[in-house]
C-alpha atoms as a PDB file:
ATOM      1  CA  MET A   1       0.000   0.000   0.000  1.00  0.00           C
ATOM      2  CA  VAL A   2       1.323   3.416  -0.964  1.00  0.00           C
ATOM      3  CA  LYS A   3       0.542   6.287   1.396  1.00  0.00           C
ATOM      4  CA  THR A   4      -0.032   9.808   0.194  1.00  0.00           C
ATOM      5  CA  GLN A   5       1.550  12.676   2.059  1.00  0.00           C
ATOM      6  CA  ASN A   6      -1.781  13.819   3.540  1.00  0.00           C
ATOM      7  CA  GLN A   7      -2.965  10.497   4.936  1.00  0.00           C
ATOM      8  CA  PRO A   8      -3.192  10.085   8.690  1.00  0.00           C
ATOM      9  CA  ILE A   9      -0.413   7.995  10.169  1.00  0.00           C
ATOM     10  CA  PRO A  10      -1.409   5.547  12.880  1.00  0.00           C
ATOM     11  CA  CYS A  11       1.371   4.816  15.344  1.00  0.00           C
ATOM     12  CA  SER A  12       1.280   1.096  14.658  1.00  0.00           C
ATOM     13  CA  THR A  13       2.866   1.545  11.217  1.00  0.00           C
ATOM     14  CA  ALA A  14       6.547   1.471  10.338  1.00  0.00           C
ATOM     15  CA  ALA A  15       9.443   2.346  12.420  1.00  0.00           C
ATOM     16  CA  THR A  16      11.839   4.796  13.814  1.00  0.00           C
ATOM     17  CA  ILE A  17      11.998   4.524  17.593  1.00  0.00           C
ATOM     18  CA  ASN A  18      12.037   1.634  20.027  1.00  0.00           C
ATOM     19  CA  LYS A  19      13.548   2.720  23.299  1.00  0.00           C
ATOM     20  CA  PHE A  20      11.619   0.594  25.738  1.00  0.00           C
ATOM     21  CA  GLY A  21      12.257  -2.939  24.446  1.00  0.00           C
ATOM     22  CA  SER A  22       8.612  -3.581  23.586  1.00  0.00           C
ATOM     23  CA  GLY A  23       9.310  -4.691  20.037  1.00  0.00           C
ATOM     24  CA  VAL A  24       6.663  -2.226  18.809  1.00  0.00           C
ATOM     25  CA  VAL A  25       8.081   0.707  16.915  1.00  0.00           C
ATOM     26  CA  MET A  26       6.454   4.086  16.172  1.00  0.00           C
ATOM     27  CA  ARG A  27       6.811   6.351  13.180  1.00  0.00           C
ATOM     28  CA  ILE A  28       7.980   9.825  14.117  1.00  0.00           C
ATOM     29  CA  PRO A  29       7.235  12.572  11.581  1.00  0.00           C
ATOM     30  CA  LYS A  30       9.625  15.384  10.755  1.00  0.00           C
ATOM     31  CA  SER A  31       7.279  18.340  10.114  1.00  0.00           C
ATOM     32  CA  LYS A  32       4.725  19.979  12.405  1.00  0.00           C
ATOM     33  CA  VAL A  33       2.029  19.435   9.777  1.00  0.00           C
ATOM     34  CA  ALA A  34       2.656  15.689   9.803  1.00  0.00           C
ATOM     35  CA  TRP A  35       2.395  15.654  13.614  1.00  0.00           C
ATOM     36  CA  LYS A  36      -1.215  16.890  13.318  1.00  0.00           C
ATOM     37  CA  ARG A  37      -2.198  13.732  11.432  1.00  0.00           C
ATOM     38  CA  ILE A  38      -0.946  11.247  14.019  1.00  0.00           C
ATOM     39  CA  GLN A  39      -3.389   9.440  16.262  1.00  0.00           C
ATOM     40  CA  PRO A  40      -1.956   7.229  18.993  1.00  0.00           C
ATOM     41  CA  ASN A  41      -3.287   3.662  19.251  1.00  0.00           C
ATOM     42  CA  ASN A  42      -2.577   3.255  22.971  1.00  0.00           C
ATOM     43  CA  ILE A  43      -1.641   5.276  26.024  1.00  0.00           C
ATOM     44  CA  LYS A  44       2.067   4.371  25.785  1.00  0.00           C
ATOM     45  CA  ASP A  45       2.217   5.692  22.230  1.00  0.00           C
ATOM     46  CA  ALA A  46       0.441   8.876  23.321  1.00  0.00           C
ATOM     47  CA  LEU A  47       2.934   9.507  26.130  1.00  0.00           C
ATOM     48  CA  ARG A  48       5.898   8.748  23.891  1.00  0.00           C
ATOM     49  CA  LEU A  49       4.595  10.943  21.064  1.00  0.00           C
ATOM     50  CA  ASN A  50       4.291  13.880  23.461  1.00  0.00           C
ATOM     51  CA  LYS A  51       7.878  13.256  24.596  1.00  0.00           C
ATOM     52  CA  GLU A  52       9.170  12.998  21.026  1.00  0.00           C
ATOM     53  CA  TYR A  53       7.336  16.178  19.999  1.00  0.00           C
ATOM     54  CA  ALA A  54       8.903  18.048  22.932  1.00  0.00           C
ATOM     55  CA  ARG A  55      12.321  16.645  22.020  1.00  0.00           C
ATOM     56  CA  GLN A  56      12.019  17.549  18.345  1.00  0.00           C
ATOM     57  CA  PHE A  57      10.437  21.007  18.548  1.00  0.00           C
ATOM     58  CA  LYS A  58      11.244  22.272  22.061  1.00  0.00           C
ATOM     59  CA  ARG A  59      14.599  20.518  22.501  1.00  0.00           C
ATOM     60  CA  LEU A  60      13.434  19.043  25.817  1.00  0.00           C
ATOM     61  CA  THR A  61      14.985  15.827  27.073  1.00  0.00           C
ATOM     62  CA  VAL A  62      13.313  13.441  29.519  1.00  0.00           C
ATOM     63  CA  PRO A  63      15.404  14.817  32.409  1.00  0.00           C
ATOM     64  CA  ALA A  64      14.326  18.376  31.509  1.00  0.00           C
ATOM     65  CA  ILE A  65      10.655  17.353  31.295  1.00  0.00           C
ATOM     66  CA  ALA A  66      10.955  15.538  34.640  1.00  0.00           C
ATOM     67  CA  GLU A  67      12.478  18.608  36.250  1.00  0.00           C
ATOM     68  CA  LEU A  68       9.697  20.860  34.932  1.00  0.00           C
ATOM     69  CA  MET A  69       7.112  18.376  36.241  1.00  0.00           C
ATOM     70  CA  ALA A  70       8.893  18.189  39.618  1.00  0.00           C
ATOM     71  CA  VAL A  71       9.281  14.393  39.467  1.00  0.00           C
ATOM     72  CA  SER A  72      12.364  12.192  39.266  1.00  0.00           C
ATOM     73  CA  GLU A  73      13.766  11.065  35.931  1.00  0.00           C
ATOM     74  CA  ASP A  74      13.319   7.434  36.952  1.00  0.00           C
ATOM     75  CA  ARG A  75       9.648   7.966  37.704  1.00  0.00           C
ATOM     76  CA  LEU A  76       9.024   9.679  34.340  1.00  0.00           C
ATOM     77  CA  TYR A  77      10.895   6.934  32.487  1.00  0.00           C
ATOM     78  CA  LYS A  78       8.763   4.350  34.309  1.00  0.00           C
ATOM     79  CA  TRP A  79       5.543   6.135  33.354  1.00  0.00           C
ATOM     80  CA  LEU A  80       6.667   6.340  29.729  1.00  0.00           C
ATOM     81  CA  SER A  81       7.591   2.651  29.591  1.00  0.00           C
ATOM     82  CA  THR A  82       4.465   1.344  31.327  1.00  0.00           C
ATOM     83  CA  GLY A  83       1.907   3.960  30.298  1.00  0.00           C
ATOM     84  CA  ASP A  84       0.854   4.346  33.946  1.00  0.00           C
ATOM     85  CA  MET A  85       1.168   8.113  34.399  1.00  0.00           C
ATOM     86  CA  PRO A  86      -1.195   9.344  37.136  1.00  0.00           C
ATOM     87  CA  VAL A  87      -4.059  11.414  35.739  1.00  0.00           C
ATOM     88  CA  SER A  88      -3.105  14.403  37.892  1.00  0.00           C
ATOM     89  CA  PHE A  89       0.229  14.685  36.015  1.00  0.00           C
ATOM     90  CA  ILE A  90      -1.198  14.473  32.467  1.00  0.00           C
ATOM     91  CA  PRO A  91      -2.173  18.180  32.102  1.00  0.00           C
ATOM     92  CA  ALA A  92       1.281  19.330  33.274  1.00  0.00           C
ATOM     93  CA  TYR A  93       3.020  16.808  31.009  1.00  0.00           C
ATOM     94  CA  GLU A  94       1.000  17.896  27.974  1.00  0.00           C
ATOM     95  CA  HIS A  95       1.521  21.584  28.791  1.00  0.00           C
ATOM     96  CA  ILE A  96       5.288  21.114  29.029  1.00  0.00           C
ATOM     97  CA  CYS A  97       5.414  19.060  25.822  1.00  0.00           C
ATOM     98  CA  GLU A  98       2.968  21.437  24.052  1.00  0.00           C
ATOM     99  CA  MET A  99       1.067  18.477  22.607  1.00  0.00           C
ATOM    100  CA  ASP A 100      -2.093  16.709  23.797  1.00  0.00           C
ATOM    101  CA  TYR A 101      -1.887  13.168  22.436  1.00  0.00           C
ATOM    102  CA  VAL A 102      -2.874  11.611  25.785  1.00  0.00           C
ATOM    103  CA  THR A 103      -6.073  13.664  25.934  1.00  0.00           C
ATOM    104  CA  GLN A 104      -6.774  12.906  22.263  1.00  0.00           C
ATOM    105  CA  TYR A 105      -6.306   9.189  22.853  1.00  0.00           C
ATOM    106  CA  LEU A 106      -8.533   9.155  25.952  1.00  0.00           C
ATOM    107  CA  GLY A 107     -11.274  10.988  24.061  1.00  0.00           C
ATOM    108  CA  TYR A 108     -10.957   8.740  21.015  1.00  0.00           C
ATOM    109  CA  ARG A 109     -10.955   5.631  23.243  1.00  0.00           C
ATOM    110  CA  SER A 110     -14.208   6.855  24.821  1.00  0.00           C
ATOM    111  CA  ASN A 111     -15.779   7.280  21.361  1.00  0.00           C
ATOM    112  CA  LYS A 112     -15.720  11.072  21.638  1.00  0.00           C
ATOM    113  CA  LEU A 113     -14.913  13.475  18.841  1.00  0.00           C
ATOM    114  CA  MET A 114     -12.638  16.279  20.014  1.00  0.00           C
ATOM    115  CA  ILE A 115     -12.168  19.579  18.205  1.00  0.00           C
ATOM    116  CA  GLN A 116     -10.117  22.682  18.895  1.00  0.00           C
ATOM    117  CA  ILE A 117     -12.257  25.495  20.303  1.00  0.00           C
ATOM    118  CA  PRO A 118     -13.093  27.777  17.354  1.00  0.00           C
ATOM    119  CA  THR A 119     -12.141  31.421  17.728  1.00  0.00           C
ATOM    120  CA  GLY A 120     -14.859  32.802  15.452  1.00  0.00           C
ATOM    121  CA  LYS A 121     -12.326  34.250  13.054  1.00  0.00           C
ATOM    122  CA  LYS A 122     -12.719  34.127   9.318  1.00  0.00           C
ATOM    123  CA  VAL A 123     -10.926  31.230   7.673  1.00  0.00           C
ATOM    124  CA  ASP A 124      -8.799  31.830   4.616  1.00  0.00           C
ATOM    125  CA  GLU A 125      -8.900  29.770   1.444  1.00  0.00           C
ATOM    126  CA  LEU A 126      -5.953  27.700   2.626  1.00  0.00           C
ATOM    127  CA  GLY A 127      -7.898  26.463   5.665  1.00  0.00           C
ATOM    128  CA  LEU A 128     -10.827  25.457   3.486  1.00  0.00           C
ATOM    129  CA  ALA A 129      -8.529  23.810   0.947  1.00  0.00           C
ATOM    130  CA  GLU A 130      -7.014  21.755   3.770  1.00  0.00           C
ATOM    131  CA  LEU A 131     -10.504  20.602   4.794  1.00  0.00           C
ATOM    132  CA  GLN A 132     -11.276  19.704   1.181  1.00  0.00           C
ATOM    133  CA  GLN A 133      -8.038  17.685   1.001  1.00  0.00           C
ATOM    134  CA  LEU A 134      -8.968  15.850   4.227  1.00  0.00           C
ATOM    135  CA  SER A 135     -12.341  15.036   2.682  1.00  0.00           C
ATOM    136  CA  ALA A 136     -10.848  13.773  -0.567  1.00  0.00           C
ATOM    137  CA  ASP A 137      -8.303  11.608   1.267  1.00  0.00           C
ATOM    138  CA  ALA A 138     -10.938  10.152   3.595  1.00  0.00           C
ATOM    139  CA  MET A 139     -13.327   9.359   0.740  1.00  0.00           C
ATOM    140  CA  SER A 140     -10.527   7.756  -1.273  1.00  0.00           C
ATOM    141  CA  LEU A 141      -9.590   5.536   1.684  1.00  0.00           C
ATOM    142  CA  LEU A 142     -13.253   4.679   2.281  1.00  0.00           C
ATOM    143  CA  ILE A 143     -13.656   3.560  -1.341  1.00  0.00           C
ATOM    144  CA  LYS A 144     -10.470   1.467  -1.096  1.00  0.00           C
ATOM    145  CA  PHE A 145     -11.719  -0.048   2.159  1.00  0.00           C
ATOM    146  CA  TYR A 146     -14.989  -1.209   0.635  1.00  0.00           C
ATOM    147  CA  ARG A 147     -13.269  -2.464  -2.528  1.00  0.00           C
ATOM    148  CA  GLU A 148     -10.000  -3.905  -1.275  1.00  0.00           C
ATOM    149  CA  GLY A 149     -10.181  -3.985   2.521  1.00  0.00           C
ATOM    150  CA  GLU A 150      -7.912  -0.959   3.096  1.00  0.00           C
ATOM    151  CA  SER A 151      -6.328  -0.644   6.553  1.00  0.00           C
ATOM    152  CA  VAL A 152      -8.922   0.048   9.249  1.00  0.00           C
ATOM    153  CA  ASP A 153      -6.503   2.091  11.400  1.00  0.00           C
ATOM    154  CA  ILE A 154      -5.632   4.466   8.588  1.00  0.00           C
ATOM    155  CA  LEU A 155      -9.274   4.791   7.476  1.00  0.00           C
ATOM    156  CA  THR A 156     -10.661   5.496  10.955  1.00  0.00           C
ATOM    157  CA  SER A 157      -7.916   8.033  11.573  1.00  0.00           C
ATOM    158  CA  ALA A 158      -8.734   9.837   8.297  1.00  0.00           C
ATOM    159  CA  LEU A 159     -12.482   9.821   9.016  1.00  0.00           C
ATOM    160  CA  THR A 160     -11.907  11.139  12.543  1.00  0.00           C
ATOM    161  CA  ARG A 161      -9.772  14.000  11.206  1.00  0.00           C
ATOM    162  CA  LEU A 162     -12.438  14.834   8.613  1.00  0.00           C
ATOM    163  CA  LEU A 163     -15.250  14.842  11.178  1.00  0.00           C
ATOM    164  CA  ALA A 164     -13.210  17.018  13.540  1.00  0.00           C
ATOM    165  CA  GLY A 165     -12.450  19.461  10.719  1.00  0.00           C
ATOM    166  CA  VAL A 166     -16.097  19.748   9.699  1.00  0.00           C
ATOM    167  CA  ALA A 167     -17.197  20.097  13.343  1.00  0.00           C
ATOM    168  CA  TYR A 168     -14.606  22.834  13.884  1.00  0.00           C
ATOM    169  CA  HIS A 169     -15.888  24.831  10.910  1.00  0.00           C
ATOM    170  CA  ARG A 170     -19.500  24.326  12.032  1.00  0.00           C
ATOM    171  CA  GLU A 171     -18.715  25.796  15.446  1.00  0.00           C
ATOM    172  CA  ASN A 172     -16.593  28.534  13.904  1.00  0.00           C
ATOM    173  CA  VAL A 173     -19.522  29.612  11.690  1.00  0.00           C
ATOM    174  CA  ILE A 174     -21.848  29.653  14.705  1.00  0.00           C
ATOM    175  CA  SER A 175     -19.370  31.694  16.773  1.00  0.00           C
ATOM    176  CA  GLN A 176     -18.979  34.213  13.904  1.00  0.00           C
ATOM    177  CA  SER A 177     -22.560  35.350  14.502  1.00  0.00           C
ATOM    178  CA  GLN A 178     -22.100  35.689  18.275  1.00  0.00           C
ATOM    179  CA  PRO A 179     -20.113  38.475  19.900  1.00  0.00           C
ATOM    180  CA  GLY A 180     -17.194  37.276  21.948  1.00  0.00           C
ATOM    181  CA  LEU A 181     -13.902  38.227  23.492  1.00  0.00           C
ATOM    182  CA  ASP A 182     -10.650  37.762  21.614  1.00  0.00           C
ATOM    183  CA  PHE A 183      -8.641  35.545  23.964  1.00  0.00           C
ATOM    184  CA  GLU A 184      -6.060  34.833  21.282  1.00  0.00           C
ATOM    185  CA  GLY A 185      -4.742  38.421  21.287  1.00  0.00           C
ATOM    186  CA  GLY A 186      -5.069  38.565  17.505  1.00  0.00           C
ATOM    187  CA  GLU A 187      -5.153  41.547  15.169  1.00  0.00           C
ATOM    188  CA  ASP A 188      -7.864  44.169  15.397  1.00  0.00           C
ATOM    189  CA  ASP A 189     -10.208  44.202  12.405  1.00  0.00           C
END
């Protein structure tokens, strides 16, 4: 199977890291855009993806993350290897790493669709073109699934991204008609 550049990448596909001896290897993307398409398949992958994102884009090592969380390195390594991070530490961990894969996974695991909170700002053509590309990719994978039995992980990831994109724009349209405060600190219109 050949993957296009815009297809979602489930963590169970091919390989670049295996630091915990589990035999399961995750694919780590190189660009920030590719990171948006990843959906973790389990809590360990979610924790590790947050760590890898922080390492790649914030230059944070595990010892630095542990220090910012006020826990020992050994404890953080244990949580990353077992996936048993206490819930009270998840928000701090995601804030430090600047990525929310654990929250995404927990929502997805509970059959919930999560979207970013819309700001009510007008979307440019590029944002709509991205949504159209998500739709085309998802429909293509859906057709392949019904014809050839395309990968379920990749298909569900693509459909989830499409639904989240459409839901975001729905809420953004609704918030356009309602007055609100600009919490983003954006430009004055």
